[in-house]
Amino acid sequence: MKTKQPEQSNEATPVDFEKSLTELETLVQKLEQGDVPLEEALKTFERGVALTRQCQTALRTAQQKVEVLLAQSGKSGEETVAPFDDDEDADDAGR
């Protein structure tokens, strides 16, 4: 009898991201309470660092996909969207 393998889809990453982010928020709340024993706090912090890395990787992957899609739409003659530039805050400060 053949077992069904979980399907890999583009939607797996957002679900993993959301779960990781939710778990990370829970860990932060736990640590902020301040009543966690040192050993448990260290383990919790270590897990939080791992979750942060997972979230950053998922966000980088999503950003790369967006950039590829924008590059493809630019080649096809469609309207393109300028990449996000965080320097807008600096422009606003100079006004």
Protein backbone atom coordinates (compact mmCIF):
# COMPACT_ATOMS: atom_id res chain seq x y z
CA MET A 1 0.00 0.00 0.00
CA LYS A 2 1.38 3.36 -1.02
CA THR A 3 1.40 6.19 1.52
CA LYS A 4 0.59 9.66 0.37
CA GLN A 5 3.48 12.11 0.64
CA PRO A 6 2.74 15.66 1.71
CA GLU A 7 2.56 17.91 -1.31
CA GLN A 8 5.08 20.66 -1.73
CA SER A 9 3.32 23.80 -2.81
CA ASN A 10 4.00 27.49 -2.95
CA GLU A 11 1.55 27.94 -0.09
CA ALA A 12 3.60 25.76 2.30
CA THR A 13 6.07 28.57 2.97
CA PRO A 14 3.48 31.16 4.12
CA VAL A 15 1.88 28.60 6.45
CA ASP A 16 5.27 27.73 7.92
CA PHE A 17 6.07 31.43 8.21
CA GLU A 18 2.82 32.16 10.02
CA LYS A 19 3.30 29.22 12.39
CA SER A 20 6.88 30.22 13.10
CA LEU A 21 5.91 33.83 13.70
CA THR A 22 3.09 32.83 16.05
CA GLU A 23 5.38 30.53 18.01
CA LEU A 24 8.02 33.25 18.17
CA GLU A 25 5.50 35.75 19.53
CA THR A 26 4.47 33.22 22.19
CA LEU A 27 8.10 32.66 23.20
CA VAL A 28 8.71 36.41 23.47
CA GLN A 29 5.68 36.83 25.72
CA LYS A 30 6.89 33.95 27.89
CA LEU A 31 10.35 35.49 28.25
CA GLU A 32 8.96 38.98 28.91
CA GLN A 33 7.07 37.68 31.94
CA GLY A 34 10.44 37.21 33.61
CA ASP A 35 9.50 34.24 35.76
CA VAL A 36 11.16 31.59 33.57
CA PRO A 37 14.05 29.63 35.12
CA LEU A 38 17.44 30.35 33.54
CA GLU A 39 17.85 26.98 31.78
CA GLU A 40 14.36 27.16 30.32
CA ALA A 41 14.90 30.79 29.33
CA LEU A 42 18.07 29.83 27.45
CA LYS A 43 16.29 27.00 25.63
CA THR A 44 13.40 29.33 24.82
CA PHE A 45 15.79 31.99 23.56
CA GLU A 46 17.63 29.42 21.42
CA ARG A 47 14.33 28.31 19.89
CA GLY A 48 13.44 31.95 19.27
CA VAL A 49 16.69 32.52 17.40
CA ALA A 50 16.00 29.47 15.21
CA LEU A 51 12.46 30.68 14.49
CA THR A 52 13.76 34.16 13.65
CA ARG A 53 16.14 32.64 11.11
CA GLN A 54 13.32 30.58 9.60
CA CYS A 55 11.16 33.68 9.27
CA GLN A 56 13.99 35.70 7.73
CA THR A 57 14.65 32.93 5.20
CA ALA A 58 10.96 32.74 4.29
CA LEU A 59 10.82 36.53 3.85
CA ARG A 60 13.96 36.53 1.68
CA THR A 61 12.49 33.78 -0.48
CA ALA A 62 9.24 35.70 -0.88
CA GLN A 63 11.17 38.87 -1.76
CA GLN A 64 13.16 37.02 -4.42
CA LYS A 65 9.96 35.65 -5.94
CA VAL A 66 8.46 39.15 -6.06
CA GLU A 67 11.61 40.52 -7.70
CA VAL A 68 11.52 37.76 -10.33
CA LEU A 69 7.86 38.45 -11.04
CA LEU A 70 8.52 42.17 -11.34
CA ALA A 71 11.44 41.54 -13.68
CA GLN A 72 9.30 39.25 -15.83
CA SER A 73 6.46 41.75 -16.01
CA GLY A 74 8.92 44.45 -17.08
CA LYS A 75 10.11 42.31 -19.99
CA SER A 76 6.58 41.69 -21.23
CA GLY A 77 5.90 45.41 -21.60
CA GLU A 78 3.50 45.60 -18.69
CA GLU A 79 3.62 48.39 -16.14
CA THR A 80 6.35 47.79 -13.58
CA VAL A 81 6.48 48.68 -9.93
CA ALA A 82 9.59 50.35 -8.55
CA PRO A 83 11.39 48.37 -5.85
CA PHE A 84 10.78 49.46 -2.29
CA ASP A 85 13.39 51.93 -1.12
CA ASP A 86 13.68 52.58 2.61
CA ASP A 87 15.32 55.95 1.95
CA GLU A 88 11.88 57.60 1.81
CA ASP A 89 12.13 58.28 5.54
CA ALA A 90 15.30 60.28 4.92
CA ASP A 91 13.52 62.30 2.21
CA ASP A 92 10.66 63.09 4.57
CA ALA A 93 13.07 64.22 7.29
CA GLY A 94 14.62 66.79 4.97
CA ARG A 95 11.34 68.54 4.29
